[in-house]
Amino acid sequence: MQAARGTSLSDDTDRPAVPSPPRRARLRLLFAGLFAVLYAVDVVSKVLAVEHLAGRPDVEVVGDLFVLHLVRNPGAAFSMGTEYTVVLSCIAIVAAGVVLWLARRVGSVLWAVALGVLLAGIVGNLTDRLLRSPGPLRGHVIDMFMVPNWPVFNVADICINVAAGLILLQAFRGIRIDGTREGEGA
């Protein structure tokens, strides 16, 4: 099926290239709702991990394939950059601002989902860096999920990776944040 002039096939349905105000409002609500729910899940999972795993042996959920193991990570993925915690915190603050700025233009369901999930991941780990010991901008991120041959991670890390996959999918599909396809006239 070919799109008529001025329409887009983004998300597999015909719609105007520029979403109507009610549609854009619904997409922003989707973005905000996903952010709120996933951020809450991340914060609650970290609170529970500290409460129930601190000072205790690992909990095997599925043998050695999935283990609950509490780690306080001052660095980035794979515990790299542990001496740059303040820099990582500042980068996360800027990244959250960029996602919020981009979300104003969201015109596609998958972009709304990707940006909401991404913001939840960024802000989830940033919250640890701002509020946890040893202090603001230097706080250690709580990680608790362990699988073989992979660093220990948390819900926020899962969100960031899912968002990266969705963003890549939209890029390969040629769908811009505003819902238009690459090569379409504005």
N, C-alpha and C. Protein backbone atom coordinates (compact mmCIF):
# COMPACT_ATOMS: atom_id res chain seq x y z
N MET A 1 0.84 -1.16 0.00
CA MET A 1 0.00 0.00 0.00
C MET A 1 0.89 1.23 0.00
N GLN A 2 0.56 2.22 -0.77
CA GLN A 2 1.35 3.43 -0.88
C GLN A 2 0.61 4.57 -0.19
N ALA A 3 1.37 5.39 0.53
CA ALA A 3 0.76 6.51 1.25
C ALA A 3 0.40 7.63 0.29
N ALA A 4 -0.73 8.23 0.52
CA ALA A 4 -1.12 9.40 -0.26
C ALA A 4 -0.24 10.57 0.16
N ARG A 5 -0.14 11.56 -0.72
CA ARG A 5 0.69 12.72 -0.42
C ARG A 5 0.24 13.36 0.90
N GLY A 6 1.23 13.63 1.78
CA GLY A 6 0.92 14.27 3.05
C GLY A 6 0.56 13.29 4.15
N THR A 7 0.65 11.99 3.88
CA THR A 7 0.38 11.01 4.92
C THR A 7 1.61 10.15 5.12
N SER A 8 1.59 9.40 6.18
CA SER A 8 2.73 8.56 6.53
C SER A 8 2.24 7.17 6.87
N LEU A 9 3.05 6.20 6.59
CA LEU A 9 2.72 4.82 6.97
C LEU A 9 3.39 4.45 8.28
N SER A 10 3.84 5.44 9.05
CA SER A 10 4.51 5.13 10.31
C SER A 10 3.57 4.31 11.19
N ASP A 11 4.14 3.34 11.85
CA ASP A 11 3.40 2.42 12.71
C ASP A 11 2.32 1.68 11.94
N ASP A 12 2.51 1.50 10.62
CA ASP A 12 1.69 0.68 9.76
C ASP A 12 0.25 1.15 9.58
N THR A 13 -0.04 2.43 9.77
CA THR A 13 -1.37 2.96 9.49
C THR A 13 -1.23 4.29 8.78
N ASP A 14 -2.20 4.61 7.93
CA ASP A 14 -2.18 5.90 7.26
C ASP A 14 -2.61 6.97 8.25
N ARG A 15 -1.89 8.09 8.26
CA ARG A 15 -2.27 9.22 9.09
C ARG A 15 -1.55 10.44 8.55
N PRO A 16 -2.03 11.62 8.86
CA PRO A 16 -1.35 12.82 8.40
C PRO A 16 0.10 12.84 8.86
N ALA A 17 0.97 13.47 8.06
CA ALA A 17 2.39 13.54 8.39
C ALA A 17 2.62 14.25 9.72
N VAL A 18 1.82 15.24 10.03
CA VAL A 18 1.93 15.92 11.31
C VAL A 18 0.73 15.52 12.14
N PRO A 19 0.94 14.86 13.29
CA PRO A 19 -0.19 14.39 14.10
C PRO A 19 -1.07 15.54 14.56
N SER A 20 -2.36 15.27 14.69
CA SER A 20 -3.30 16.26 15.19
C SER A 20 -3.00 16.53 16.67
N PRO A 21 -3.41 17.68 17.19
CA PRO A 21 -3.17 17.97 18.61
C PRO A 21 -3.70 16.89 19.56
N PRO A 22 -4.93 16.34 19.34
CA PRO A 22 -5.37 15.28 20.26
C PRO A 22 -4.48 14.03 20.18
N ARG A 23 -4.05 13.67 18.97
CA ARG A 23 -3.17 12.49 18.84
C ARG A 23 -1.83 12.76 19.51
N ARG A 24 -1.27 13.93 19.30
CA ARG A 24 0.01 14.27 19.93
C ARG A 24 -0.14 14.25 21.46
N ALA A 25 -1.27 14.71 21.97
CA ALA A 25 -1.52 14.69 23.41
C ALA A 25 -1.57 13.25 23.92
N ARG A 26 -2.21 12.36 23.16
CA ARG A 26 -2.27 10.95 23.57
C ARG A 26 -0.88 10.32 23.56
N LEU A 27 -0.06 10.67 22.57
CA LEU A 27 1.30 10.14 22.49
C LEU A 27 2.15 10.64 23.66
N ARG A 28 1.97 11.89 24.01
CA ARG A 28 2.70 12.44 25.17
C ARG A 28 2.25 11.77 26.46
N LEU A 29 0.95 11.48 26.54
CA LEU A 29 0.43 10.78 27.72
C LEU A 29 1.02 9.36 27.79
N LEU A 30 1.11 8.68 26.66
CA LEU A 30 1.74 7.36 26.61
C LEU A 30 3.19 7.46 27.08
N PHE A 31 3.93 8.43 26.56
CA PHE A 31 5.31 8.67 26.95
C PHE A 31 5.41 8.86 28.47
N ALA A 32 4.59 9.78 29.01
CA ALA A 32 4.64 10.09 30.44
C ALA A 32 4.20 8.90 31.30
N GLY A 33 3.17 8.19 30.85
CA GLY A 33 2.70 7.04 31.62
C GLY A 33 3.72 5.93 31.70
N LEU A 34 4.34 5.61 30.56
CA LEU A 34 5.38 4.58 30.57
C LEU A 34 6.55 4.99 31.46
N PHE A 35 6.95 6.26 31.33
CA PHE A 35 8.02 6.75 32.19
C PHE A 35 7.66 6.55 33.66
N ALA A 36 6.48 7.01 34.06
CA ALA A 36 6.09 6.95 35.47
C ALA A 36 6.04 5.52 36.01
N VAL A 37 5.43 4.63 35.25
CA VAL A 37 5.30 3.23 35.69
C VAL A 37 6.67 2.55 35.79
N LEU A 38 7.47 2.69 34.75
CA LEU A 38 8.78 2.00 34.75
C LEU A 38 9.74 2.62 35.75
N TYR A 39 9.69 3.92 35.92
CA TYR A 39 10.52 4.57 36.94
C TYR A 39 10.14 4.05 38.33
N ALA A 40 8.84 3.95 38.60
CA ALA A 40 8.38 3.44 39.89
C ALA A 40 8.83 1.99 40.10
N VAL A 41 8.73 1.17 39.06
CA VAL A 41 9.17 -0.23 39.17
C VAL A 41 10.67 -0.28 39.48
N ASP A 42 11.45 0.56 38.83
CA ASP A 42 12.90 0.59 39.08
C ASP A 42 13.19 0.99 40.53
N VAL A 43 12.58 2.08 40.99
CA VAL A 43 12.84 2.56 42.35
C VAL A 43 12.42 1.52 43.38
N VAL A 44 11.23 0.95 43.23
CA VAL A 44 10.75 -0.05 44.19
C VAL A 44 11.64 -1.29 44.17
N SER A 45 12.07 -1.73 42.99
CA SER A 45 12.94 -2.93 42.93
C SER A 45 14.26 -2.67 43.63
N LYS A 46 14.79 -1.46 43.53
CA LYS A 46 16.06 -1.13 44.20
C LYS A 46 15.89 -1.06 45.71
N VAL A 47 14.79 -0.47 46.16
CA VAL A 47 14.52 -0.40 47.59
C VAL A 47 14.39 -1.81 48.16
N LEU A 48 13.65 -2.66 47.46
CA LEU A 48 13.47 -4.05 47.92
C LEU A 48 14.79 -4.81 47.89
N ALA A 49 15.60 -4.58 46.87
CA ALA A 49 16.90 -5.26 46.78
C ALA A 49 17.78 -4.90 47.97
N VAL A 50 17.86 -3.62 48.29
CA VAL A 50 18.69 -3.20 49.42
C VAL A 50 18.12 -3.77 50.72
N GLU A 51 16.80 -3.73 50.86
CA GLU A 51 16.15 -4.20 52.08
C GLU A 51 16.32 -5.71 52.29
N HIS A 52 16.21 -6.48 51.20
CA HIS A 52 16.19 -7.94 51.35
C HIS A 52 17.48 -8.66 50.95
N LEU A 53 18.39 -7.99 50.27
CA LEU A 53 19.60 -8.67 49.80
C LEU A 53 20.87 -8.21 50.50
N ALA A 54 20.85 -7.06 51.15
CA ALA A 54 22.05 -6.54 51.80
C ALA A 54 22.51 -7.49 52.91
N GLY A 55 23.78 -7.86 52.85
CA GLY A 55 24.36 -8.72 53.87
C GLY A 55 23.90 -10.16 53.83
N ARG A 56 23.25 -10.55 52.77
CA ARG A 56 22.74 -11.92 52.65
C ARG A 56 23.36 -12.60 51.45
N PRO A 57 23.36 -13.93 51.43
CA PRO A 57 23.89 -14.64 50.25
C PRO A 57 22.98 -14.44 49.05
N ASP A 58 23.54 -14.70 47.88
CA ASP A 58 22.78 -14.60 46.63
C ASP A 58 21.53 -15.48 46.68
N VAL A 59 20.50 -15.05 45.96
CA VAL A 59 19.26 -15.81 45.86
C VAL A 59 19.17 -16.36 44.44
N GLU A 60 19.23 -17.70 44.34
CA GLU A 60 19.10 -18.34 43.03
C GLU A 60 17.62 -18.42 42.67
N VAL A 61 17.23 -17.70 41.63
CA VAL A 61 15.84 -17.71 41.18
C VAL A 61 15.63 -18.85 40.19
N VAL A 62 16.56 -18.97 39.23
CA VAL A 62 16.54 -20.07 38.26
C VAL A 62 17.96 -20.63 38.21
N GLY A 63 18.31 -21.37 39.23
CA GLY A 63 19.66 -21.95 39.31
C GLY A 63 20.71 -20.87 39.12
N ASP A 64 21.75 -21.17 38.35
CA ASP A 64 22.80 -20.20 38.05
C ASP A 64 22.42 -19.28 36.89
N LEU A 65 21.26 -19.54 36.24
CA LEU A 65 20.86 -18.75 35.08
C LEU A 65 20.33 -17.37 35.46
N PHE A 66 19.69 -17.24 36.61
CA PHE A 66 19.17 -15.95 37.06
C PHE A 66 19.27 -15.89 38.56
N VAL A 67 20.12 -14.97 39.04
CA VAL A 67 20.43 -14.87 40.46
C VAL A 67 20.21 -13.43 40.91
N LEU A 68 19.67 -13.26 42.12
CA LEU A 68 19.58 -11.94 42.72
C LEU A 68 20.85 -11.72 43.54
N HIS A 69 21.61 -10.68 43.18
CA HIS A 69 22.92 -10.41 43.78
C HIS A 69 23.08 -8.90 43.89
N LEU A 70 23.13 -8.37 45.10
CA LEU A 70 23.20 -6.93 45.32
C LEU A 70 24.59 -6.39 45.05
N VAL A 71 24.63 -5.33 44.21
CA VAL A 71 25.89 -4.65 43.88
C VAL A 71 25.62 -3.16 43.93
N ARG A 72 26.55 -2.41 44.48
CA ARG A 72 26.51 -0.94 44.45
C ARG A 72 27.57 -0.49 43.45
N ASN A 73 27.13 0.02 42.31
CA ASN A 73 28.01 0.31 41.19
C ASN A 73 28.25 1.82 41.06
N PRO A 74 29.49 2.28 41.28
CA PRO A 74 29.79 3.70 41.13
C PRO A 74 30.03 4.11 39.67
N GLY A 75 30.18 3.14 38.77
CA GLY A 75 30.53 3.44 37.39
C GLY A 75 29.38 3.23 36.43
N ALA A 76 29.76 3.04 35.18
CA ALA A 76 28.79 2.78 34.11
C ALA A 76 28.68 1.27 33.91
N ALA A 77 28.18 0.87 32.76
CA ALA A 77 28.05 -0.56 32.43
C ALA A 77 29.39 -1.25 32.60
N PHE A 78 29.35 -2.48 33.06
CA PHE A 78 30.54 -3.30 33.31
C PHE A 78 31.45 -2.66 34.36
N SER A 79 30.88 -1.77 35.20
CA SER A 79 31.62 -1.04 36.24
C SER A 79 32.79 -0.25 35.69
N MET A 80 32.68 0.19 34.44
CA MET A 80 33.73 1.02 33.86
C MET A 80 33.52 2.47 34.31
N GLY A 81 34.59 3.20 34.39
CA GLY A 81 34.52 4.62 34.71
C GLY A 81 34.15 4.90 36.15
N THR A 82 34.55 4.05 37.07
CA THR A 82 34.17 4.23 38.47
C THR A 82 34.71 5.53 39.06
N GLU A 83 35.78 6.07 38.49
CA GLU A 83 36.32 7.33 38.99
C GLU A 83 35.64 8.54 38.36
N TYR A 84 34.67 8.34 37.48
CA TYR A 84 33.98 9.43 36.78
C TYR A 84 32.50 9.50 37.14
N THR A 85 32.15 9.17 38.37
CA THR A 85 30.75 9.14 38.77
C THR A 85 30.08 10.50 38.60
N VAL A 86 30.76 11.57 38.96
CA VAL A 86 30.17 12.91 38.82
C VAL A 86 29.93 13.23 37.35
N VAL A 87 30.88 12.88 36.49
CA VAL A 87 30.73 13.11 35.05
C VAL A 87 29.55 12.31 34.52
N LEU A 88 29.43 11.05 34.93
CA LEU A 88 28.31 10.21 34.50
C LEU A 88 26.98 10.81 34.96
N SER A 89 26.95 11.36 36.16
CA SER A 89 25.74 12.00 36.66
C SER A 89 25.36 13.20 35.81
N CYS A 90 26.34 14.02 35.47
CA CYS A 90 26.08 15.21 34.64
C CYS A 90 25.62 14.81 33.24
N ILE A 91 26.22 13.77 32.69
CA ILE A 91 25.79 13.27 31.37
C ILE A 91 24.34 12.80 31.45
N ALA A 92 23.98 12.11 32.53
CA ALA A 92 22.60 11.63 32.69
C ALA A 92 21.62 12.79 32.80
N ILE A 93 22.01 13.85 33.48
CA ILE A 93 21.13 15.03 33.59
C ILE A 93 20.89 15.63 32.21
N VAL A 94 21.96 15.77 31.43
CA VAL A 94 21.82 16.31 30.07
C VAL A 94 20.98 15.37 29.21
N ALA A 95 21.22 14.06 29.31
CA ALA A 95 20.47 13.08 28.52
C ALA A 95 18.98 13.14 28.85
N ALA A 96 18.64 13.26 30.12
CA ALA A 96 17.23 13.36 30.50
C ALA A 96 16.60 14.62 29.89
N GLY A 97 17.34 15.72 29.91
CA GLY A 97 16.85 16.95 29.30
C GLY A 97 16.63 16.80 27.80
N VAL A 98 17.55 16.13 27.13
CA VAL A 98 17.42 15.91 25.69
C VAL A 98 16.19 15.05 25.38
N VAL A 99 15.98 14.00 26.16
CA VAL A 99 14.81 13.14 25.93
C VAL A 99 13.52 13.94 26.14
N LEU A 100 13.47 14.75 27.19
CA LEU A 100 12.28 15.58 27.42
C LEU A 100 12.06 16.56 26.27
N TRP A 101 13.12 17.14 25.76
CA TRP A 101 13.02 18.08 24.64
C TRP A 101 12.51 17.35 23.39
N LEU A 102 13.07 16.17 23.12
CA LEU A 102 12.65 15.40 21.94
C LEU A 102 11.19 14.94 22.06
N ALA A 103 10.77 14.63 23.27
CA ALA A 103 9.42 14.11 23.48
C ALA A 103 8.34 15.13 23.10
N ARG A 104 8.69 16.40 23.06
CA ARG A 104 7.72 17.42 22.64
C ARG A 104 7.27 17.20 21.21
N ARG A 105 8.12 16.58 20.40
CA ARG A 105 7.85 16.39 18.96
C ARG A 105 7.31 15.00 18.63
N VAL A 106 7.09 14.16 19.62
CA VAL A 106 6.73 12.77 19.35
C VAL A 106 5.45 12.68 18.52
N GLY A 107 5.51 11.88 17.45
CA GLY A 107 4.37 11.72 16.56
C GLY A 107 4.15 10.27 16.16
N SER A 108 4.77 9.35 16.88
CA SER A 108 4.69 7.93 16.56
C SER A 108 4.58 7.16 17.87
N VAL A 109 3.75 6.12 17.85
CA VAL A 109 3.57 5.30 19.06
C VAL A 109 4.90 4.70 19.49
N LEU A 110 5.64 4.12 18.56
CA LEU A 110 6.91 3.48 18.95
C LEU A 110 7.93 4.49 19.47
N TRP A 111 7.93 5.70 18.91
CA TRP A 111 8.83 6.72 19.44
C TRP A 111 8.38 7.14 20.85
N ALA A 112 7.09 7.25 21.09
CA ALA A 112 6.60 7.59 22.43
C ALA A 112 7.01 6.52 23.43
N VAL A 113 6.88 5.26 23.03
CA VAL A 113 7.29 4.16 23.90
C VAL A 113 8.80 4.19 24.14
N ALA A 114 9.57 4.33 23.07
CA ALA A 114 11.03 4.33 23.19
C ALA A 114 11.51 5.45 24.10
N LEU A 115 10.99 6.65 23.91
CA LEU A 115 11.45 7.78 24.71
C LEU A 115 10.98 7.68 26.17
N GLY A 116 9.78 7.18 26.40
CA GLY A 116 9.30 6.99 27.77
C GLY A 116 10.12 5.96 28.52
N VAL A 117 10.42 4.86 27.84
CA VAL A 117 11.23 3.80 28.44
C VAL A 117 12.66 4.30 28.68
N LEU A 118 13.20 5.03 27.71
CA LEU A 118 14.55 5.57 27.85
C LEU A 118 14.64 6.54 29.02
N LEU A 119 13.67 7.44 29.14
CA LEU A 119 13.69 8.40 30.25
C LEU A 119 13.61 7.68 31.60
N ALA A 120 12.79 6.64 31.68
CA ALA A 120 12.69 5.88 32.93
C ALA A 120 14.05 5.28 33.31
N GLY A 121 14.76 4.74 32.33
CA GLY A 121 16.07 4.17 32.61
C GLY A 121 17.09 5.20 33.03
N ILE A 122 17.12 6.31 32.30
CA ILE A 122 18.09 7.37 32.63
C ILE A 122 17.82 7.92 34.03
N VAL A 123 16.56 8.29 34.29
CA VAL A 123 16.22 8.92 35.56
C VAL A 123 16.30 7.91 36.71
N GLY A 124 16.02 6.64 36.44
CA GLY A 124 16.14 5.62 37.49
C GLY A 124 17.56 5.53 38.02
N ASN A 125 18.53 5.44 37.12
CA ASN A 125 19.92 5.37 37.57
C ASN A 125 20.41 6.72 38.09
N LEU A 126 19.93 7.81 37.50
CA LEU A 126 20.31 9.15 37.98
C LEU A 126 19.83 9.37 39.41
N THR A 127 18.64 8.87 39.74
CA THR A 127 18.12 9.00 41.10
C THR A 127 19.10 8.38 42.10
N ASP A 128 19.63 7.21 41.78
CA ASP A 128 20.63 6.59 42.66
C ASP A 128 21.85 7.48 42.79
N ARG A 129 22.32 8.03 41.68
CA ARG A 129 23.52 8.87 41.70
C ARG A 129 23.30 10.14 42.51
N LEU A 130 22.08 10.63 42.54
CA LEU A 130 21.78 11.86 43.28
C LEU A 130 21.49 11.61 44.76
N LEU A 131 20.86 10.48 45.09
CA LEU A 131 20.35 10.29 46.44
C LEU A 131 21.07 9.24 47.28
N ARG A 132 21.83 8.38 46.68
CA ARG A 132 22.46 7.30 47.44
C ARG A 132 23.87 7.68 47.88
N SER A 133 24.36 6.88 48.82
CA SER A 133 25.71 7.05 49.35
C SER A 133 26.73 6.83 48.24
N PRO A 134 27.82 7.54 48.16
CA PRO A 134 28.38 8.40 49.20
C PRO A 134 27.93 9.86 49.15
N GLY A 135 27.05 10.25 48.23
CA GLY A 135 26.55 11.62 48.25
C GLY A 135 26.07 12.06 46.88
N PRO A 136 25.46 13.27 46.82
CA PRO A 136 24.91 13.78 45.57
C PRO A 136 25.92 13.78 44.42
N LEU A 137 25.46 13.33 43.26
CA LEU A 137 26.23 13.18 42.02
C LEU A 137 27.29 12.08 42.10
N ARG A 138 27.51 11.52 43.27
CA ARG A 138 28.52 10.47 43.44
C ARG A 138 27.91 9.16 43.93
N GLY A 139 26.59 9.12 44.04
CA GLY A 139 25.92 7.94 44.56
C GLY A 139 26.11 6.72 43.69
N HIS A 140 26.11 5.57 44.33
CA HIS A 140 26.30 4.30 43.63
C HIS A 140 24.95 3.74 43.20
N VAL A 141 24.88 3.26 41.96
CA VAL A 141 23.66 2.69 41.40
C VAL A 141 23.47 1.28 41.96
N ILE A 142 22.25 0.97 42.35
CA ILE A 142 21.92 -0.36 42.86
C ILE A 142 21.61 -1.28 41.69
N ASP A 143 22.37 -2.37 41.61
CA ASP A 143 22.14 -3.43 40.61
C ASP A 143 21.83 -4.70 41.37
N MET A 144 20.99 -5.56 40.78
CA MET A 144 20.61 -6.78 41.51
C MET A 144 20.34 -8.02 40.67
N PHE A 145 20.27 -7.89 39.37
CA PHE A 145 19.98 -9.05 38.52
C PHE A 145 21.27 -9.57 37.92
N MET A 146 21.51 -10.87 38.09
CA MET A 146 22.75 -11.46 37.59
C MET A 146 22.42 -12.67 36.71
N VAL A 147 22.99 -12.66 35.51
CA VAL A 147 22.89 -13.79 34.59
C VAL A 147 24.31 -14.15 34.19
N PRO A 148 24.53 -15.37 33.70
CA PRO A 148 25.90 -15.78 33.37
C PRO A 148 26.54 -14.88 32.31
N ASN A 149 27.81 -14.62 32.50
CA ASN A 149 28.65 -13.90 31.52
C ASN A 149 28.13 -12.51 31.19
N TRP A 150 27.53 -11.83 32.15
CA TRP A 150 27.02 -10.49 31.94
C TRP A 150 27.14 -9.73 33.25
N PRO A 151 27.35 -8.42 33.19
CA PRO A 151 27.43 -7.67 34.45
C PRO A 151 26.08 -7.63 35.15
N VAL A 152 26.10 -7.41 36.45
CA VAL A 152 24.87 -7.30 37.23
C VAL A 152 24.16 -6.03 36.77
N PHE A 153 22.82 -6.08 36.67
CA PHE A 153 22.06 -4.96 36.12
C PHE A 153 20.78 -4.74 36.91
N ASN A 154 19.99 -3.75 36.51
CA ASN A 154 18.75 -3.40 37.19
C ASN A 154 17.65 -3.09 36.17
N VAL A 155 16.48 -2.70 36.66
CA VAL A 155 15.35 -2.40 35.78
C VAL A 155 15.68 -1.21 34.87
N ALA A 156 16.34 -0.19 35.40
CA ALA A 156 16.71 0.97 34.59
C ALA A 156 17.60 0.57 33.42
N ASP A 157 18.54 -0.34 33.67
CA ASP A 157 19.42 -0.81 32.59
C ASP A 157 18.62 -1.55 31.52
N ILE A 158 17.65 -2.34 31.95
CA ILE A 158 16.78 -3.03 30.99
C ILE A 158 16.04 -2.01 30.15
N CYS A 159 15.51 -0.97 30.79
CA CYS A 159 14.78 0.08 30.07
C CYS A 159 15.66 0.73 29.02
N ILE A 160 16.88 1.07 29.38
CA ILE A 160 17.80 1.74 28.45
C ILE A 160 18.07 0.84 27.24
N ASN A 161 18.25 -0.44 27.47
CA ASN A 161 18.53 -1.36 26.36
C ASN A 161 17.31 -1.59 25.48
N VAL A 162 16.13 -1.70 26.07
CA VAL A 162 14.90 -1.85 25.28
C VAL A 162 14.69 -0.60 24.44
N ALA A 163 14.90 0.58 25.04
CA ALA A 163 14.75 1.83 24.30
C ALA A 163 15.73 1.90 23.14
N ALA A 164 16.96 1.49 23.37
CA ALA A 164 17.95 1.51 22.29
C ALA A 164 17.48 0.63 21.13
N GLY A 165 16.93 -0.54 21.44
CA GLY A 165 16.43 -1.42 20.39
C GLY A 165 15.28 -0.79 19.62
N LEU A 166 14.35 -0.14 20.33
CA LEU A 166 13.21 0.50 19.66
C LEU A 166 13.67 1.69 18.81
N ILE A 167 14.63 2.44 19.30
CA ILE A 167 15.15 3.57 18.53
C ILE A 167 15.84 3.08 17.26
N LEU A 168 16.61 2.01 17.38
CA LEU A 168 17.24 1.43 16.18
C LEU A 168 16.19 0.92 15.21
N LEU A 169 15.15 0.27 15.71
CA LEU A 169 14.06 -0.21 14.85
C LEU A 169 13.43 0.95 14.08
N GLN A 170 13.13 2.03 14.78
CA GLN A 170 12.53 3.18 14.10
C GLN A 170 13.49 3.80 13.09
N ALA A 171 14.76 3.83 13.42
CA ALA A 171 15.76 4.37 12.48
C ALA A 171 15.83 3.50 11.23
N PHE A 172 15.86 2.17 11.40
CA PHE A 172 15.91 1.27 10.24
C PHE A 172 14.63 1.35 9.42
N ARG A 173 13.51 1.59 10.07
CA ARG A 173 12.24 1.75 9.36
C ARG A 173 12.14 3.12 8.69
N GLY A 174 13.04 4.03 9.06
CA GLY A 174 13.04 5.36 8.47
C GLY A 174 11.96 6.26 9.03
N ILE A 175 11.55 6.02 10.27
CA ILE A 175 10.49 6.82 10.88
C ILE A 175 11.11 7.81 11.86
N ARG A 176 10.86 9.09 11.57
CA ARG A 176 11.38 10.16 12.42
C ARG A 176 10.55 10.27 13.70
N ILE A 177 11.06 11.02 14.65
CA ILE A 177 10.36 11.21 15.93
C ILE A 177 8.97 11.80 15.71
N ASP A 178 8.82 12.68 14.73
CA ASP A 178 7.51 13.31 14.50
C ASP A 178 6.52 12.38 13.78
N GLY A 179 6.94 11.17 13.47
CA GLY A 179 6.05 10.18 12.84
C GLY A 179 6.15 10.13 11.34
N THR A 180 6.88 11.05 10.71
CA THR A 180 7.01 11.03 9.26
C THR A 180 8.12 10.06 8.87
N ARG A 181 8.06 9.62 7.62
CA ARG A 181 9.11 8.73 7.10
C ARG A 181 10.21 9.54 6.45
N GLU A 182 11.41 8.98 6.47
CA GLU A 182 12.53 9.60 5.77
C GLU A 182 12.14 9.80 4.31
N GLY A 183 12.50 10.92 3.75
CA GLY A 183 12.22 11.18 2.33
C GLY A 183 10.87 11.82 2.09
N GLU A 184 10.02 11.89 3.14
CA GLU A 184 8.72 12.54 2.99
C GLU A 184 8.90 14.04 3.10
N GLY A 185 8.14 14.77 2.35
CA GLY A 185 8.13 16.23 2.50
C GLY A 185 7.46 16.60 3.79
N ALA A 186 7.88 17.71 4.37
CA ALA A 186 7.30 18.14 5.64
C ALA A 186 5.87 18.61 5.46
